[in-house]
C-alpha atoms as a PDB file:
ATOM      1  CA  MET A   1      52.933  89.583  75.922  1.00  0.00           C
ATOM      2  CA  VAL A   2      53.928  92.709  77.829  1.00  0.00           C
ATOM      3  CA  ALA A   3      55.885  90.612  80.303  1.00  0.00           C
ATOM      4  CA  ALA A   4      57.784  88.928  77.454  1.00  0.00           C
ATOM      5  CA  VAL A   5      58.694  92.301  75.917  1.00  0.00           C
ATOM      6  CA  ILE A   6      59.911  93.616  79.257  1.00  0.00           C
ATOM      7  CA  LEU A   7      62.007  90.482  79.744  1.00  0.00           C
ATOM      8  CA  LEU A   8      63.564  90.837  76.293  1.00  0.00           C
ATOM      9  CA  LEU A   9      64.332  94.505  76.935  1.00  0.00           C
ATOM     10  CA  ALA A  10      65.950  93.629  80.258  1.00  0.00           C
ATOM     11  CA  ILE A  11      68.077  90.938  78.621  1.00  0.00           C
ATOM     12  CA  GLY A  12      69.031  93.389  75.875  1.00  0.00           C
ATOM     13  CA  LEU A  13      70.115  96.009  78.394  1.00  0.00           C
ATOM     14  CA  VAL A  14      72.254  93.454  80.240  1.00  0.00           C
ATOM     15  CA  VAL A  15      73.935  92.362  76.995  1.00  0.00           C
ATOM     16  CA  VAL A  16      74.555  95.983  75.960  1.00  0.00           C
ATOM     17  CA  GLY A  17      75.961  96.701  79.417  1.00  0.00           C
ATOM     18  CA  ILE A  18      78.362  93.774  79.204  1.00  0.00           C
ATOM     19  CA  PHE A  19      79.759  94.892  75.865  1.00  0.00           C
ATOM     20  CA  ALA A  20      79.660  98.630  76.580  1.00  0.00           C
ATOM     21  CA  SER A  21      81.352  98.478  79.997  1.00  0.00           C
ATOM     22  CA  PRO A  22      84.927  97.894  78.732  1.00  0.00           C
ATOM     23  CA  LEU A  23      84.505 100.741  76.244  1.00  0.00           C
ATOM     24  CA  LEU A  24      83.249 103.091  78.943  1.00  0.00           C
ATOM     25  CA  VAL A  25      86.151 102.134  81.232  1.00  0.00           C
ATOM     26  CA  LYS A  26      88.627 102.761  78.404  1.00  0.00           C
ATOM     27  CA  ARG A  27      87.130 106.173  77.625  1.00  0.00           C
ATOM     28  CA  ARG A  28      87.222 107.178  81.283  1.00  0.00           C
ATOM     29  CA  ARG A  29      90.835 106.080  81.589  1.00  0.00           C
ATOM     30  CA  ASP A  30      91.805 107.877  78.394  1.00  0.00           C
ATOM     31  CA  ARG A  31      90.317 111.107  79.773  1.00  0.00           C
ATOM     32  CA  LEU A  32      92.280 110.692  82.999  1.00  0.00           C
ATOM     33  CA  LYS A  33      95.515 110.099  81.098  1.00  0.00           C
ATOM     34  CA  LYS A  34      95.054 113.308  79.130  1.00  0.00           C
ATOM     35  CA  ARG A  35      94.805 115.470  82.240  1.00  0.00           C
ATOM     36  CA  SER A  36      97.743 117.726  82.932  1.00  0.00           C
ATOM     37  CA  PHE A  37     100.139 116.417  85.554  1.00  0.00           C
ATOM     38  CA  PRO A  38     100.545 118.955  88.398  1.00  0.00           C
ATOM     39  CA  PRO A  39     104.129 120.255  88.795  1.00  0.00           C
ATOM     40  CA  LEU A  40     104.053 119.361  92.491  1.00  0.00           C
ATOM     41  CA  TRP A  41     103.189 115.753  91.605  1.00  0.00           C
ATOM     42  CA  ASP A  42     106.014 115.719  89.095  1.00  0.00           C
ATOM     43  CA  ALA A  43     108.459 116.807  91.802  1.00  0.00           C
ATOM     44  CA  VAL A  44     107.236 114.080  94.181  1.00  0.00           C
ATOM     45  CA  VAL A  45     107.574 111.363  91.544  1.00  0.00           C
ATOM     46  CA  LYS A  46     111.066 112.579  90.664  1.00  0.00           C
ATOM     47  CA  ASN A  47     112.014 112.392  94.350  1.00  0.00           C
ATOM     48  CA  TYR A  48     110.780 108.830  94.880  1.00  0.00           C
ATOM     49  CA  LEU A  49     111.568 107.339  91.480  1.00  0.00           C
ATOM     50  CA  PRO A  50     115.270 107.972  90.775  1.00  0.00           C
ATOM     51  CA  ILE A  51     115.087 106.749  87.158  1.00  0.00           C
ATOM     52  CA  TYR A  52     112.207 109.106  86.349  1.00  0.00           C
ATOM     53  CA  SER A  53     114.506 111.702  84.790  1.00  0.00           C
ATOM     54  CA  SER A  54     116.104 109.014  82.623  1.00  0.00           C
ATOM     55  CA  LEU A  55     112.801 108.087  80.975  1.00  0.00           C
ATOM     56  CA  SER A  56     112.077 109.516  77.566  1.00  0.00           C
ATOM     57  CA  ALA A  57     109.505 112.321  77.325  1.00  0.00           C
ATOM     58  CA  ILE A  58     106.990 109.839  75.911  1.00  0.00           C
ATOM     59  CA  GLU A  59     107.640 107.347  78.717  1.00  0.00           C
ATOM     60  CA  ARG A  60     107.300 110.045  81.385  1.00  0.00           C
ATOM     61  CA  ARG A  61     103.988 111.214  79.963  1.00  0.00           C
ATOM     62  CA  ARG A  62     102.762 107.623  79.744  1.00  0.00           C
ATOM     63  CA  LEU A  63     103.746 106.995  83.365  1.00  0.00           C
ATOM     64  CA  GLN A  64     101.977 110.179  84.454  1.00  0.00           C
ATOM     65  CA  GLY A  65      98.805 108.976  82.749  1.00  0.00           C
ATOM     66  CA  HIS A  66      98.986 105.589  84.421  1.00  0.00           C
ATOM     67  CA  ILE A  67      99.518 107.223  87.809  1.00  0.00           C
ATOM     68  CA  GLN A  68      96.383 109.317  87.393  1.00  0.00           C
ATOM     69  CA  VAL A  69      94.296 106.262  86.514  1.00  0.00           C
ATOM     70  CA  PHE A  70      95.811 104.278  89.392  1.00  0.00           C
ATOM     71  CA  LEU A  71      95.069 107.003  91.944  1.00  0.00           C
ATOM     72  CA  LYS A  72      91.483 107.270  90.739  1.00  0.00           C
ATOM     73  CA  GLU A  73      90.758 103.536  90.774  1.00  0.00           C
ATOM     74  CA  LYS A  74      92.625 102.283  93.847  1.00  0.00           C
ATOM     75  CA  GLN A  75      91.839 102.956  97.485  1.00  0.00           C
ATOM     76  CA  PHE A  76      94.588 103.737 100.007  1.00  0.00           C
ATOM     77  CA  ILE A  77      94.009 102.821 103.643  1.00  0.00           C
ATOM     78  CA  GLY A  78      96.267 103.891 106.494  1.00  0.00           C
ATOM     79  CA  CYS A  79      96.897 101.257 109.175  1.00  0.00           C
ATOM     80  CA  GLY A  80      98.524 101.367 112.591  1.00  0.00           C
ATOM     81  CA  GLY A  81      97.583 105.009 113.057  1.00  0.00           C
ATOM     82  CA  LEU A  82      99.145 106.152 109.766  1.00  0.00           C
ATOM     83  CA  GLN A  83      97.475 109.012 107.891  1.00  0.00           C
ATOM     84  CA  VAL A  84      98.091 108.358 104.189  1.00  0.00           C
ATOM     85  CA  THR A  85      99.104 111.569 102.422  1.00  0.00           C
ATOM     86  CA  GLU A  86      99.027 112.540  98.757  1.00  0.00           C
ATOM     87  CA  GLU A  87     102.815 112.216  98.692  1.00  0.00           C
ATOM     88  CA  MET A  88     102.620 108.604  99.883  1.00  0.00           C
ATOM     89  CA  LYS A  89      99.994 107.741  97.282  1.00  0.00           C
ATOM     90  CA  LEU A  90     102.065 109.289  94.496  1.00  0.00           C
ATOM     91  CA  ALA A  91     105.256 107.524  95.563  1.00  0.00           C
ATOM     92  CA  ILE A  92     103.595 104.107  95.648  1.00  0.00           C
ATOM     93  CA  ALA A  93     101.625 104.698  92.445  1.00  0.00           C
ATOM     94  CA  ALA A  94     104.749 105.788  90.539  1.00  0.00           C
ATOM     95  CA  MET A  95     106.701 102.648  91.438  1.00  0.00           C
ATOM     96  CA  ALA A  96     103.741 100.346  90.822  1.00  0.00           C
ATOM     97  CA  CYS A  97     102.886 101.921  87.454  1.00  0.00           C
ATOM     98  CA  LEU A  98     106.458 101.460  86.272  1.00  0.00           C
ATOM     99  CA  LEU A  99     105.415  97.829  85.721  1.00  0.00           C
ATOM    100  CA  LEU A 100     102.620  99.035  83.411  1.00  0.00           C
ATOM    101  CA  LEU A 101     104.746 101.338  81.285  1.00  0.00           C
ATOM    102  CA  ASN A 102     104.301  99.059  78.264  1.00  0.00           C
ATOM    103  CA  GLU A 103     100.600  99.989  78.117  1.00  0.00           C
ATOM    104  CA  ARG A 104      99.381  96.631  79.450  1.00  0.00           C
ATOM    105  CA  GLY A 105      96.303  98.546  80.565  1.00  0.00           C
ATOM    106  CA  THR A 106      94.908  96.107  83.141  1.00  0.00           C
ATOM    107  CA  TYR A 107      95.899  98.282  86.113  1.00  0.00           C
ATOM    108  CA  PHE A 108      96.319  95.246  88.381  1.00  0.00           C
ATOM    109  CA  LEU A 109      92.982  93.688  87.570  1.00  0.00           C
ATOM    110  CA  LYS A 110      91.943  92.348  90.982  1.00  0.00           C
ATOM    111  CA  LEU A 111      93.499  95.007  93.173  1.00  0.00           C
ATOM    112  CA  ARG A 112      91.144  97.338  95.028  1.00  0.00           C
ATOM    113  CA  SER A 113      93.013  98.566  98.109  1.00  0.00           C
ATOM    114  CA  ILE A 114      96.544  99.367  99.231  1.00  0.00           C
ATOM    115  CA  LEU A 115      97.012  99.122 103.001  1.00  0.00           C
ATOM    116  CA  VAL A 116      99.926 101.169 104.308  1.00  0.00           C
ATOM    117  CA  TYR A 117     101.554 100.718 107.726  1.00  0.00           C
ATOM    118  CA  PRO A 118     104.043 103.206 109.228  1.00  0.00           C
ATOM    119  CA  GLY A 119     106.774 100.563 109.449  1.00  0.00           C
ATOM    120  CA  THR A 120     107.219  96.854 110.024  1.00  0.00           C
ATOM    121  CA  TYR A 121     103.920  95.214 110.896  1.00  0.00           C
ATOM    122  CA  PHE A 122     103.098  91.844 112.442  1.00  0.00           C
ATOM    123  CA  VAL A 123     100.693  89.099 111.409  1.00  0.00           C
ATOM    124  CA  ASN A 124      99.677  85.793 112.921  1.00  0.00           C
ATOM    125  CA  GLU A 125     100.845  82.925 110.740  1.00  0.00           C
ATOM    126  CA  THR A 126      99.697  79.334 111.120  1.00  0.00           C
ATOM    127  CA  ALA A 127     102.204  76.651 110.170  1.00  0.00           C
ATOM    128  CA  ILE A 128     102.217  72.855 110.248  1.00  0.00           C
ATOM    129  CA  GLU A 129     105.369  71.393 111.728  1.00  0.00           C
ATOM    130  CA  GLY A 130     106.468  67.751 111.561  1.00  0.00           C
ATOM    131  CA  ASN A 131     103.756  65.317 112.628  1.00  0.00           C
ATOM    132  CA  TYR A 132     100.853  67.622 111.873  1.00  0.00           C
ATOM    133  CA  VAL A 133     101.596  69.917 114.797  1.00  0.00           C
ATOM    134  CA  VAL A 134      99.912  73.239 114.166  1.00  0.00           C
ATOM    135  CA  GLU A 135     101.906  76.222 115.352  1.00  0.00           C
ATOM    136  CA  GLU A 136     100.754  79.833 115.345  1.00  0.00           C
ATOM    137  CA  ARG A 137     103.484  82.416 115.358  1.00  0.00           C
ATOM    138  CA  ARG A 138     103.835  86.184 115.173  1.00  0.00           C
ATOM    139  CA  VAL A 139     105.682  87.175 112.000  1.00  0.00           C
ATOM    140  CA  ALA A 140     107.157  90.572 111.079  1.00  0.00           C
ATOM    141  CA  ARG A 141     106.499  91.757 107.539  1.00  0.00           C
ATOM    142  CA  LEU A 142     107.323  94.687 105.258  1.00  0.00           C
ATOM    143  CA  GLY A 143     104.800  93.912 102.530  1.00  0.00           C
ATOM    144  CA  GLU A 144     102.499  91.278 101.065  1.00  0.00           C
ATOM    145  CA  SER A 145     100.181  90.755  98.130  1.00  0.00           C
ATOM    146  CA  TRP A 146      96.800  89.113  98.498  1.00  0.00           C
ATOM    147  CA  SER A 147      95.297  87.263  95.549  1.00  0.00           C
ATOM    148  CA  ARG A 148      91.862  88.672  96.395  1.00  0.00           C
ATOM    149  CA  ASP A 149      92.086  92.451  96.294  1.00  0.00           C
ATOM    150  CA  GLN A 150      94.790  93.961  98.504  1.00  0.00           C
ATOM    151  CA  VAL A 151      98.452  94.878  98.728  1.00  0.00           C
ATOM    152  CA  VAL A 152      99.989  95.681 102.122  1.00  0.00           C
ATOM    153  CA  LEU A 153     103.082  97.883 102.415  1.00  0.00           C
ATOM    154  CA  SER A 154     105.373  99.392 105.020  1.00  0.00           C
ATOM    155  CA  TRP A 155     105.803 103.105 104.284  1.00  0.00           C
ATOM    156  CA  GLU A 156     109.178 103.104 106.035  1.00  0.00           C
ATOM    157  CA  GLN A 157     110.347 100.391 103.638  1.00  0.00           C
ATOM    158  CA  VAL A 158     108.966 102.249 100.611  1.00  0.00           C
ATOM    159  CA  GLN A 159     111.044 105.286 101.610  1.00  0.00           C
ATOM    160  CA  ARG A 160     114.127 103.151 102.208  1.00  0.00           C
ATOM    161  CA  ASP A 161     113.798 101.523  98.792  1.00  0.00           C
ATOM    162  CA  ALA A 162     113.418 104.889  97.064  1.00  0.00           C
ATOM    163  CA  SER A 163     116.671 106.041  98.664  1.00  0.00           C
ATOM    164  CA  ASN A 164     118.538 102.864  97.641  1.00  0.00           C
ATOM    165  CA  TRP A 165     117.256 102.274  94.136  1.00  0.00           C
ATOM    166  CA  ARG A 166     120.212 100.246  92.863  1.00  0.00           C
ATOM    167  CA  ASP A 167     120.324  97.650  95.642  1.00  0.00           C
ATOM    168  CA  GLY A 168     117.838  95.324  93.963  1.00  0.00           C
ATOM    169  CA  HIS A 169     115.292  95.512  96.786  1.00  0.00           C
ATOM    170  CA  ASN A 170     111.969  97.257  96.266  1.00  0.00           C
ATOM    171  CA  VAL A 171     108.857  96.258  98.196  1.00  0.00           C
ATOM    172  CA  VAL A 172     106.477  98.023  95.792  1.00  0.00           C
ATOM    173  CA  LEU A 173     107.929  96.407  92.666  1.00  0.00           C
ATOM    174  CA  HIS A 174     107.987  93.063  94.475  1.00  0.00           C
ATOM    175  CA  GLU A 175     104.400  93.060  95.721  1.00  0.00           C
ATOM    176  CA  PHE A 176     102.937  94.475  92.520  1.00  0.00           C
ATOM    177  CA  ALA A 177     104.816  91.863  90.482  1.00  0.00           C
ATOM    178  CA  HIS A 178     102.886  89.370  92.625  1.00  0.00           C
ATOM    179  CA  GLN A 179      99.676  91.139  91.616  1.00  0.00           C
ATOM    180  CA  LEU A 180     100.531  90.596  87.946  1.00  0.00           C
ATOM    181  CA  ASP A 181     101.299  86.957  88.708  1.00  0.00           C
ATOM    182  CA  GLN A 182      98.016  86.535  90.589  1.00  0.00           C
ATOM    183  CA  GLU A 183      95.729  87.909  87.884  1.00  0.00           C
ATOM    184  CA  ASP A 184      94.765  84.359  86.893  1.00  0.00           C
ATOM    185  CA  GLY A 185      94.080  83.487  90.525  1.00  0.00           C
ATOM    186  CA  ASN A 186      97.334  81.587  91.130  1.00  0.00           C
ATOM    187  CA  ALA A 187     100.712  82.710  92.444  1.00  0.00           C
ATOM    188  CA  GLU A 188     103.064  80.467  90.512  1.00  0.00           C
ATOM    189  CA  GLY A 189     105.519  82.791  88.796  1.00  0.00           C
ATOM    190  CA  VAL A 190     103.642  82.747  85.486  1.00  0.00           C
ATOM    191  CA  PRO A 191     101.762  85.975  84.666  1.00  0.00           C
ATOM    192  CA  PHE A 192      99.565  86.389  81.613  1.00  0.00           C
ATOM    193  CA  LEU A 193     101.915  86.422  78.611  1.00  0.00           C
ATOM    194  CA  PRO A 194     101.321  88.214  75.266  1.00  0.00           C
ATOM    195  CA  LYS A 195     101.063  85.014  73.206  1.00  0.00           C
ATOM    196  CA  ASN A 196     100.286  81.367  73.971  1.00  0.00           C
ATOM    197  CA  LEU A 197     103.550  80.369  72.317  1.00  0.00           C
ATOM    198  CA  ASP A 198     105.438  82.403  74.944  1.00  0.00           C
ATOM    199  CA  TYR A 199     104.534  80.070  77.809  1.00  0.00           C
ATOM    200  CA  ALA A 200     106.784  77.180  76.759  1.00  0.00           C
ATOM    201  CA  VAL A 201     109.866  79.407  76.491  1.00  0.00           C
ATOM    202  CA  TRP A 202     108.959  81.193  79.735  1.00  0.00           C
ATOM    203  CA  ALA A 203     108.649  77.882  81.597  1.00  0.00           C
ATOM    204  CA  LYS A 204     111.980  76.607  80.258  1.00  0.00           C
ATOM    205  CA  VAL A 205     113.985  79.752  81.022  1.00  0.00           C
ATOM    206  CA  MET A 206     112.366  80.495  84.384  1.00  0.00           C
ATOM    207  CA  THR A 207     112.774  76.924  85.609  1.00  0.00           C
ATOM    208  CA  GLN A 208     116.465  76.875  84.642  1.00  0.00           C
ATOM    209  CA  GLU A 209     117.121  80.270  86.227  1.00  0.00           C
ATOM    210  CA  TYR A 210     115.218  79.395  89.396  1.00  0.00           C
ATOM    211  CA  GLN A 211     117.158  76.164  89.814  1.00  0.00           C
ATOM    212  CA  GLN A 212     120.416  78.006  89.145  1.00  0.00           C
ATOM    213  CA  LEU A 213     119.650  80.564  91.854  1.00  0.00           C
ATOM    214  CA  CYS A 214     118.814  77.768  94.315  1.00  0.00           C
ATOM    215  CA  GLN A 215     122.121  76.038  93.541  1.00  0.00           C
ATOM    216  CA  ASP A 216     124.130  79.259  93.821  1.00  0.00           C
ATOM    217  CA  VAL A 217     122.576  80.109  97.185  1.00  0.00           C
ATOM    218  CA  GLN A 218     123.217  76.598  98.511  1.00  0.00           C
ATOM    219  CA  ARG A 219     126.876  76.825  97.448  1.00  0.00           C
ATOM    220  CA  GLY A 220     127.289  80.271  98.942  1.00  0.00           C
ATOM    221  CA  THR A 221     127.992  81.817  95.520  1.00  0.00           C
ATOM    222  CA  LYS A 222     127.436  85.567  95.262  1.00  0.00           C
ATOM    223  CA  THR A 223     124.251  86.249  93.282  1.00  0.00           C
ATOM    224  CA  VAL A 224     122.735  89.247  91.507  1.00  0.00           C
ATOM    225  CA  MET A 225     119.256  88.324  92.763  1.00  0.00           C
ATOM    226  CA  ASN A 226     118.208  88.144  96.382  1.00  0.00           C
ATOM    227  CA  SER A 227     118.184  84.685  97.938  1.00  0.00           C
ATOM    228  CA  TYR A 228     114.519  85.193  98.864  1.00  0.00           C
ATOM    229  CA  GLY A 229     113.789  84.209  95.273  1.00  0.00           C
ATOM    230  CA  THR A 230     114.651  80.602  96.110  1.00  0.00           C
ATOM    231  CA  LEU A 231     111.537  80.269  98.280  1.00  0.00           C
ATOM    232  CA  ASN A 232     109.293  79.312  95.336  1.00  0.00           C
ATOM    233  CA  PRO A 233     108.706  80.229  91.643  1.00  0.00           C
ATOM    234  CA  ALA A 234     106.298  83.036  92.576  1.00  0.00           C
ATOM    235  CA  GLU A 235     108.903  84.725  94.782  1.00  0.00           C
ATOM    236  CA  PHE A 236     111.512  84.138  92.100  1.00  0.00           C
ATOM    237  CA  PHE A 237     109.449  86.091  89.566  1.00  0.00           C
ATOM    238  CA  ALA A 238     108.938  88.953  92.041  1.00  0.00           C
ATOM    239  CA  VAL A 239     112.635  89.084  92.967  1.00  0.00           C
ATOM    240  CA  ALA A 240     113.661  88.850  89.302  1.00  0.00           C
ATOM    241  CA  THR A 241     111.363  91.825  88.588  1.00  0.00           C
ATOM    242  CA  GLU A 242     113.000  93.893  91.323  1.00  0.00           C
ATOM    243  CA  THR A 243     116.420  93.068  89.897  1.00  0.00           C
ATOM    244  CA  PHE A 244     115.322  93.752  86.323  1.00  0.00           C
ATOM    245  CA  PHE A 245     114.342  97.328  87.169  1.00  0.00           C
ATOM    246  CA  GLU A 246     117.004  98.141  89.762  1.00  0.00           C
ATOM    247  CA  LYS A 247     120.083  96.211  88.582  1.00  0.00           C
ATOM    248  CA  PRO A 248     119.459  95.718  84.850  1.00  0.00           C
ATOM    249  CA  GLN A 249     123.101  95.790  83.753  1.00  0.00           C
ATOM    250  CA  GLN A 250     124.146  93.094  86.211  1.00  0.00           C
ATOM    251  CA  LEU A 251     121.127  90.946  85.386  1.00  0.00           C
ATOM    252  CA  LEU A 252     121.753  91.228  81.640  1.00  0.00           C
ATOM    253  CA  LYS A 253     125.415  90.314  82.080  1.00  0.00           C
ATOM    254  CA  ARG A 254     124.892  87.364  84.445  1.00  0.00           C
ATOM    255  CA  HIS A 255     121.501  86.109  83.238  1.00  0.00           C
ATOM    256  CA  PRO A 256     120.899  87.213  79.622  1.00  0.00           C
ATOM    257  CA  ALA A 257     118.146  84.651  78.970  1.00  0.00           C
ATOM    258  CA  LEU A 258     116.222  85.754  82.063  1.00  0.00           C
ATOM    259  CA  TYR A 259     116.670  89.405  81.161  1.00  0.00           C
ATOM    260  CA  GLU A 260     115.360  88.701  77.665  1.00  0.00           C
ATOM    261  CA  GLN A 261     112.207  87.056  79.039  1.00  0.00           C
ATOM    262  CA  LEU A 262     111.489  89.947  81.384  1.00  0.00           C
ATOM    263  CA  GLN A 263     112.245  92.461  78.643  1.00  0.00           C
ATOM    264  CA  HIS A 264     109.770  90.693  76.369  1.00  0.00           C
ATOM    265  CA  TYR A 265     107.126  90.524  79.097  1.00  0.00           C
ATOM    266  CA  TYR A 266     107.411  94.114  80.330  1.00  0.00           C
ATOM    267  CA  GLN A 267     108.244  95.430  76.836  1.00  0.00           C
ATOM    268  CA  LEU A 268     110.914  97.612  78.429  1.00  0.00           C
ATOM    269  CA  ASP A 269     114.699  97.806  78.463  1.00  0.00           C
ATOM    270  CA  PRO A 270     115.819  99.316  81.809  1.00  0.00           C
ATOM    271  CA  VAL A 271     119.487  99.185  80.763  1.00  0.00           C
ATOM    272  CA  LYS A 272     118.929 102.300  78.682  1.00  0.00           C
ATOM    273  CA  TRP A 273     117.822 104.198  81.812  1.00  0.00           C
ATOM    274  CA  VAL A 274     121.091 103.598  83.654  1.00  0.00           C
END
């Protein structure tokens, strides 16, 4: 009898824990968002995020809250001898949290760690060539997103992107767009959308725009988006995200349907920040 009661109590505690956990996480995050944002942090964000001053007061405060949650929940690891500073963390967090400005609230669900290298880093990549010939090669990289729990970045590239905001290239926006795409476990250019009905329209527009970019690149036509987006649908979504935030006017003019889909997904209109 006693054993049965103990078992029932244990089951009850587990059930309560399952339902209470999201509420506790939300309360903790809400407390973090309400903290005052240090003036020094504000100056750093303004330095690395050129559009920061163009955000409304409400948007700036929302971004500050997201940054504080992000810094508390994510681990930064220096690689290649790099000592990660508070400035580096703030710069990366500010760019990454720009994607969450619509209050999505998931904070990159699977992400645990951000690995930061001083500059370009190298990885061993295994590839199958022709008649099943396996080739291992050394590949230079500036960033990557892992579907498990990590994002890898080159600090040198992060700085370069901050200084050239309107060129449509941003390694942080790119890799964290991949994180949004990978929340369901797959990197296929289809993140979680607000409504089930959105998926059909998303698939139609994204497929058309992806094919158009591939055709334009093959013909040598000048494009708003980087040609790297032709690699696959996942890279197309990441490149389209970079362009959406950095070159919104050009994207809206040349690809209004694509801009509309990204505007609906991110619940933001970057054109107004220009």
